[in-house]
Amino acid sequence: MKKLLITGYSGFVGACLCNTLKGLYNLNLLGRKKSDQGILFKSTIGKDSEYAEALQGVDVVVHCAARVHVMNDSVPSSIDEYRTVNTHGTENLARQAAAAGVKRFIFVSSIKVNGECTPLDKPYTSADPHAPEDGYGLSKSEAEQQLFDIGKETGMEIVVIRPTLVYGPGVKANFASLMSLVGMGIPLPFSCINNNKRSLVSVTNLVDLIVTCIDHPKAANEVFLVSDDQDVSTSEMVKYMAKALGKPTWQIPVPFWCYNLVGKILGKKDVVDRLTGSLQVDISHTKDTLGWAPPQSLEDGFRETAQAFLHSKHKQ
């Protein structure tokens, strides 16, 4: 049975991944929190951390851990803070993995490596140049470049996966906030936001792709974009949420200039841009190379997320 080292195992994606992999592989877990899903090796991701014990006998590393952008941070992270974990920490782990004889290193990156938005119906592809616009995206971009350099130097196979916005049971941040709003069953001002398109990915689909990349021979040294393969406008997304929550879909036609004005007044232009703009990905390369397709539909993903959301509210 293959042995895997999983970082970020207690996070949103990592926890789902470990639940899926348990019993299929021997799992080493790198982090601090207790877990019964594998053997825990206590360490942080950093440029000076030592991983020799955790990497002993490991065939594949799945690197999910990262310093992420936190919406409620009172002080935004600097580029150096992102680089400490996402760039330098990843490079350090990868070099030690190669030295330990690890055959494949799977890096869960971000679509932010490509950028923040796309023109309508002109999605990002895996062949597009890097164009990150913030510290988080830049740190992930630099990590990808260093990983492929390490792969060329050592022969360790590199697999990069760039998810779009990930949702699913237990999701936090903007997706959870919007679901809470829709769950109130009140009229919402999104009717006019029906000409944008956004690619989303359920955590079930993302984990399925990661599992596919563990053994697939054609995954080596490739970059894969991933989504549910069904893009939706903001208005459509609200409709799917309402249906999943069993709530009415009441949407008011508020013109775009109102959003832009509120964004400027509140200093939330980035939030408005995400709400009204497009960010699409083309996953043709992923599907064609791996013979893979998302096993869960967007509608089923929303239904599963809504059920978990409602269950957590009933427990409160």
Protein backbone atom coordinates (compact mmCIF):
# COMPACT_ATOMS: atom_id res chain seq x y z
CA MET A 1 0.00 0.00 0.00
CA LYS A 2 1.38 3.42 -0.98
CA LYS A 3 2.27 5.91 1.71
CA LEU A 4 1.16 9.54 1.33
CA LEU A 5 2.13 12.66 3.24
CA ILE A 6 -0.75 15.13 3.51
CA THR A 7 -0.23 18.73 4.59
CA GLY A 8 -3.16 20.95 5.54
CA TYR A 9 -5.10 17.83 6.58
CA SER A 10 -7.28 19.74 9.05
CA GLY A 11 -8.36 22.39 6.54
CA PHE A 12 -11.49 22.49 4.41
CA VAL A 13 -10.00 20.60 1.45
CA GLY A 14 -7.52 18.52 3.45
CA ALA A 15 -10.14 17.10 5.82
CA CYS A 16 -12.34 15.95 2.92
CA LEU A 17 -9.29 14.48 1.19
CA CYS A 18 -8.25 12.49 4.26
CA ASN A 19 -11.78 11.14 4.72
CA THR A 20 -11.67 9.91 1.12
CA LEU A 21 -8.17 8.43 1.31
CA LYS A 22 -8.44 6.72 4.69
CA GLY A 23 -8.09 2.98 4.24
CA LEU A 24 -6.87 3.31 0.66
CA TYR A 25 -3.36 4.51 1.51
CA ASN A 26 -1.10 4.77 4.52
CA LEU A 27 -1.30 8.41 5.58
CA ASN A 28 1.31 10.57 7.25
CA LEU A 29 -0.09 13.92 8.36
CA LEU A 30 2.00 17.06 8.74
CA GLY A 31 0.66 19.70 11.11
CA ARG A 32 -0.29 20.43 14.70
CA LYS A 33 -3.90 19.34 15.31
CA LYS A 34 -4.75 15.84 16.54
CA SER A 35 -6.23 13.43 14.03
CA ASP A 36 -7.19 9.77 13.88
CA GLN A 37 -6.87 9.64 10.09
CA GLY A 38 -3.16 8.91 9.95
CA ILE A 39 0.17 9.21 11.73
CA LEU A 40 0.72 12.79 12.89
CA PHE A 41 4.10 14.50 12.58
CA LYS A 42 4.05 17.84 14.33
CA SER A 43 5.57 20.59 12.23
CA THR A 44 4.82 23.86 10.49
CA ILE A 45 5.42 24.76 6.86
CA GLY A 46 8.44 27.04 6.72
CA LYS A 47 11.82 27.51 5.11
CA ASP A 48 13.71 26.03 8.08
CA SER A 49 11.38 23.17 9.07
CA GLU A 50 12.66 19.60 9.06
CA TYR A 51 10.53 16.85 7.54
CA ALA A 52 12.86 13.84 7.35
CA GLU A 53 10.84 11.66 9.74
CA ALA A 54 7.50 12.53 8.14
CA LEU A 55 8.85 11.82 4.65
CA GLN A 56 10.36 8.43 5.44
CA GLY A 57 8.95 5.83 3.03
CA VAL A 58 6.53 8.33 1.45
CA ASP A 59 5.64 7.82 -2.22
CA VAL A 60 3.48 10.90 -2.84
CA VAL A 61 3.16 14.27 -1.10
CA VAL A 62 -0.17 16.12 -1.37
CA HIS A 63 0.52 19.69 -0.27
CA CYS A 64 -2.73 21.42 0.71
CA ALA A 65 -1.38 23.66 3.48
CA ALA A 66 -1.09 27.37 2.74
CA ARG A 67 -1.32 30.82 4.22
CA VAL A 68 -4.57 32.05 2.75
CA HIS A 69 -6.22 35.43 2.46
CA VAL A 70 -8.52 35.97 5.44
CA MET A 71 -11.38 38.38 4.71
CA ASN A 72 -11.65 39.63 8.31
CA ASP A 73 -7.95 40.25 8.93
CA SER A 74 -7.58 43.64 10.60
CA VAL A 75 -4.14 43.97 9.02
CA PRO A 76 -3.74 42.45 5.53
CA SER A 77 -0.90 39.96 5.18
CA SER A 78 2.23 41.26 3.48
CA ILE A 79 3.79 39.53 0.51
CA ASP A 80 6.61 38.36 2.79
CA GLU A 81 4.12 36.62 5.10
CA TYR A 82 2.58 34.77 2.17
CA ARG A 83 6.00 33.85 0.79
CA THR A 84 7.20 32.45 4.11
CA VAL A 85 4.68 29.61 3.94
CA ASN A 86 3.45 29.40 0.35
CA THR A 87 6.73 29.94 -1.49
CA HIS A 88 9.72 29.26 0.76
CA GLY A 89 7.93 26.65 2.86
CA THR A 90 6.76 24.78 -0.24
CA GLU A 91 10.22 24.86 -1.78
CA ASN A 92 11.77 23.52 1.42
CA LEU A 93 9.25 20.68 1.69
CA ALA A 94 9.69 19.78 -1.99
CA ARG A 95 13.49 19.69 -1.83
CA GLN A 96 13.40 17.46 1.23
CA ALA A 97 10.76 15.27 -0.43
CA ALA A 98 12.95 14.80 -3.51
CA ALA A 99 15.95 13.97 -1.32
CA ALA A 100 13.84 11.39 0.54
CA GLY A 101 12.92 9.64 -2.71
CA VAL A 102 9.33 10.86 -3.03
CA LYS A 103 8.13 10.06 -6.54
CA ARG A 104 5.36 12.65 -6.96
CA PHE A 105 4.54 16.02 -5.38
CA ILE A 106 0.96 17.29 -5.80
CA PHE A 107 0.56 21.00 -5.13
CA VAL A 108 -2.88 22.49 -4.51
CA SER A 109 -2.34 25.98 -5.90
CA SER A 110 -4.94 28.61 -6.84
CA ILE A 111 -6.60 30.12 -9.90
CA LYS A 112 -5.27 33.42 -8.56
CA VAL A 113 -2.00 32.44 -10.25
CA ASN A 114 -3.77 33.24 -13.52
CA GLY A 115 -5.45 36.40 -12.26
CA GLU A 116 -8.63 37.76 -10.72
CA CYS A 117 -11.09 37.97 -13.60
CA THR A 118 -11.75 37.02 -17.21
CA PRO A 119 -13.70 38.59 -20.06
CA LEU A 120 -17.06 36.87 -20.47
CA ASP A 121 -16.70 33.50 -22.25
CA LYS A 122 -12.91 33.84 -22.48
CA PRO A 123 -11.83 31.48 -19.70
CA TYR A 124 -8.36 30.88 -18.35
CA THR A 125 -6.58 27.79 -19.65
CA SER A 126 -3.75 25.80 -18.12
CA ALA A 127 -1.42 27.18 -20.81
CA ASP A 128 -2.05 30.85 -19.99
CA PRO A 129 0.81 32.88 -18.51
CA HIS A 130 0.90 33.66 -14.81
CA ALA A 131 -0.67 37.03 -13.97
CA PRO A 132 -1.28 37.15 -10.19
CA GLU A 133 -2.61 40.42 -8.79
CA ASP A 134 -2.17 40.00 -5.04
CA GLY A 135 0.36 38.66 -2.55
CA TYR A 136 -1.36 35.32 -2.15
CA GLY A 137 -1.53 34.69 -5.89
CA LEU A 138 2.07 35.81 -6.37
CA SER A 139 3.34 33.50 -3.61
CA LYS A 140 1.54 30.55 -5.22
CA SER A 141 2.88 31.48 -8.65
CA GLU A 142 6.45 31.59 -7.35
CA ALA A 143 5.95 28.24 -5.61
CA GLU A 144 4.76 26.61 -8.84
CA GLN A 145 7.79 27.89 -10.73
CA GLN A 146 10.17 26.62 -8.06
CA LEU A 147 8.46 23.23 -7.95
CA PHE A 148 8.92 22.65 -11.67
CA ASP A 149 12.57 23.70 -11.35
CA ILE A 150 13.01 21.16 -8.55
CA GLY A 151 11.29 18.54 -10.67
CA LYS A 152 13.69 19.14 -13.55
CA GLU A 153 16.69 18.99 -11.21
CA THR A 154 15.69 15.85 -9.31
CA GLY A 155 13.27 13.86 -11.46
CA MET A 156 10.48 14.10 -8.89
CA GLU A 157 7.14 14.37 -10.69
CA ILE A 158 5.26 17.63 -10.10
CA VAL A 159 1.47 17.99 -10.37
CA VAL A 160 -0.14 21.43 -9.96
CA ILE A 161 -3.88 21.82 -9.42
CA ARG A 162 -5.44 25.29 -9.56
CA PRO A 163 -8.95 25.33 -8.07
CA THR A 164 -11.48 28.09 -8.55
CA LEU A 165 -13.68 29.06 -5.59
CA VAL A 166 -14.18 25.87 -3.56
CA TYR A 167 -17.49 25.23 -1.80
CA GLY A 168 -19.08 22.34 0.03
CA PRO A 169 -20.29 21.29 3.49
CA GLY A 170 -18.63 23.50 6.09
CA VAL A 171 -17.53 26.19 3.63
CA LYS A 172 -16.75 29.59 5.15
CA ALA A 173 -16.06 33.12 3.88
CA ASN A 174 -18.05 34.76 1.06
CA PHE A 175 -19.92 31.65 -0.07
CA ALA A 176 -21.22 31.00 3.45
CA SER A 177 -22.16 34.67 3.86
CA LEU A 178 -24.17 34.62 0.63
CA MET A 179 -25.88 31.38 1.63
CA SER A 180 -26.84 32.91 4.97
CA LEU A 181 -28.32 35.89 3.15
CA VAL A 182 -30.28 33.69 0.74
CA GLY A 183 -31.43 31.57 3.69
CA MET A 184 -33.27 34.55 5.15
CA GLY A 185 -35.79 34.29 2.31
CA ILE A 186 -35.80 38.04 1.72
CA PRO A 187 -35.67 39.89 -1.64
CA LEU A 188 -32.06 40.28 -2.81
CA PRO A 189 -30.62 42.85 -5.24
CA PHE A 190 -29.01 40.47 -7.75
CA SER A 191 -31.48 40.27 -10.63
CA CYS A 192 -29.35 42.43 -12.95
CA ILE A 193 -26.16 40.45 -12.35
CA ASN A 194 -27.09 37.86 -14.94
CA ASN A 195 -24.50 38.44 -17.68
CA ASN A 196 -21.41 37.45 -15.74
CA LYS A 197 -20.10 33.90 -15.39
CA ARG A 198 -18.11 32.29 -12.61
CA SER A 199 -16.55 28.84 -12.38
CA LEU A 200 -16.95 27.10 -9.04
CA VAL A 201 -15.76 23.72 -7.80
CA SER A 202 -17.29 21.54 -5.10
CA VAL A 203 -14.85 20.11 -2.60
CA THR A 204 -16.05 16.66 -3.70
CA ASN A 205 -14.95 17.33 -7.29
CA LEU A 206 -11.64 18.86 -6.23
CA VAL A 207 -10.81 15.91 -3.98
CA ASP A 208 -11.77 13.47 -6.74
CA LEU A 209 -9.27 15.17 -9.05
CA ILE A 210 -6.54 15.09 -6.38
CA VAL A 211 -7.13 11.36 -5.86
CA THR A 212 -6.97 10.80 -9.63
CA CYS A 213 -3.62 12.60 -9.77
CA ILE A 214 -2.06 10.40 -7.08
CA ASP A 215 -1.63 7.46 -9.46
CA HIS A 216 -2.47 8.62 -12.98
CA PRO A 217 0.65 8.30 -15.18
CA LYS A 218 -0.36 11.24 -17.39
CA ALA A 219 -0.64 13.65 -14.45
CA ALA A 220 3.13 13.96 -14.12
CA ASN A 221 4.53 17.46 -14.67
CA GLU A 222 1.19 18.97 -15.65
CA VAL A 223 -0.96 21.92 -14.56
CA PHE A 224 -4.67 21.23 -14.15
CA LEU A 225 -7.47 23.75 -13.77
CA VAL A 226 -10.57 22.40 -12.05
CA SER A 227 -14.23 23.40 -11.80
CA ASP A 228 -17.71 21.85 -11.78
CA ASP A 229 -17.73 22.48 -15.56
CA GLN A 230 -20.92 24.52 -15.24
CA ASP A 231 -20.43 28.28 -15.03
CA VAL A 232 -23.13 30.44 -13.44
CA SER A 233 -23.98 34.12 -13.13
CA THR A 234 -24.43 35.64 -9.69
CA SER A 235 -28.19 35.67 -10.20
CA GLU A 236 -28.16 31.99 -11.22
CA MET A 237 -25.99 31.09 -8.24
CA VAL A 238 -28.52 32.71 -5.90
CA LYS A 239 -31.32 30.74 -7.57
CA TYR A 240 -29.45 27.46 -7.07
CA MET A 241 -28.82 28.36 -3.42
CA ALA A 242 -32.46 29.28 -2.83
CA LYS A 243 -33.66 26.03 -4.39
CA ALA A 244 -31.21 24.00 -2.29
CA LEU A 245 -32.32 25.79 0.88
CA GLY A 246 -36.01 25.52 0.06
CA LYS A 247 -36.41 29.28 -0.04
CA PRO A 248 -38.19 31.56 -2.53
CA THR A 249 -36.07 33.33 -5.14
CA TRP A 250 -36.88 37.02 -4.96
CA GLN A 251 -34.37 39.19 -6.78
CA ILE A 252 -34.64 42.95 -7.28
CA PRO A 253 -33.15 44.63 -10.41
CA VAL A 254 -30.55 47.00 -8.93
CA PRO A 255 -28.44 48.74 -11.63
CA PHE A 256 -24.69 48.23 -11.77
CA TRP A 257 -23.82 51.83 -10.96
CA CYS A 258 -25.35 51.33 -7.52
CA TYR A 259 -22.94 48.49 -6.78
CA ASN A 260 -19.98 50.52 -7.98
CA LEU A 261 -21.03 53.49 -5.86
CA VAL A 262 -21.47 51.41 -2.72
CA GLY A 263 -18.14 49.70 -3.37
CA LYS A 264 -16.34 53.03 -3.57
CA ILE A 265 -18.06 54.45 -0.48
CA LEU A 266 -17.35 51.38 1.65
CA GLY A 267 -13.91 50.69 0.20
CA LYS A 268 -15.10 47.28 -1.02
CA LYS A 269 -14.40 47.55 -4.74
CA ASP A 270 -12.79 44.11 -4.75
CA VAL A 271 -15.92 42.55 -3.27
CA VAL A 272 -18.12 44.29 -5.85
CA ASP A 273 -15.83 43.17 -8.66
CA ARG A 274 -16.12 39.53 -7.55
CA LEU A 275 -19.89 39.87 -7.28
CA THR A 276 -20.44 41.46 -10.70
CA GLY A 277 -17.46 40.24 -12.74
CA SER A 278 -16.55 36.97 -14.44
CA LEU A 279 -13.91 34.38 -13.65
CA GLN A 280 -14.10 31.29 -15.84
CA VAL A 281 -11.77 28.37 -16.40
CA ASP A 282 -11.51 25.90 -19.27
CA ILE A 283 -10.92 22.40 -17.87
CA SER A 284 -10.59 20.71 -21.27
CA HIS A 285 -6.92 19.93 -20.65
CA THR A 286 -7.77 18.30 -17.32
CA LYS A 287 -10.55 16.19 -18.80
CA ASP A 288 -8.65 15.19 -21.95
CA THR A 289 -5.33 14.38 -20.27
CA LEU A 290 -6.75 12.37 -17.38
CA GLY A 291 -10.00 11.08 -18.88
CA TRP A 292 -11.62 12.80 -15.90
CA ALA A 293 -14.96 14.51 -15.43
CA PRO A 294 -16.45 16.11 -12.31
CA PRO A 295 -18.48 13.36 -10.59
CA GLN A 296 -20.77 15.84 -8.80
CA SER A 297 -23.04 18.32 -10.57
CA LEU A 298 -23.20 21.92 -9.41
CA GLU A 299 -26.83 21.48 -8.37
CA ASP A 300 -25.99 18.41 -6.26
CA GLY A 301 -23.02 20.23 -4.77
CA PHE A 302 -25.22 23.14 -3.73
CA ARG A 303 -27.81 20.73 -2.29
CA GLU A 304 -25.17 18.95 -0.19
CA THR A 305 -23.75 22.28 1.01
CA ALA A 306 -27.21 23.58 1.90
CA GLN A 307 -28.05 20.44 3.88
CA ALA A 308 -24.90 20.84 5.97
CA PHE A 309 -25.62 24.56 6.40
CA LEU A 310 -29.16 23.91 7.63
CA HIS A 311 -27.97 21.12 9.94
CA SER A 312 -25.40 23.42 11.55
CA LYS A 313 -28.06 26.11 12.08
CA HIS A 314 -30.38 23.61 13.81
CA LYS A 315 -27.57 22.65 16.19
CA GLN A 316 -27.00 26.26 17.26
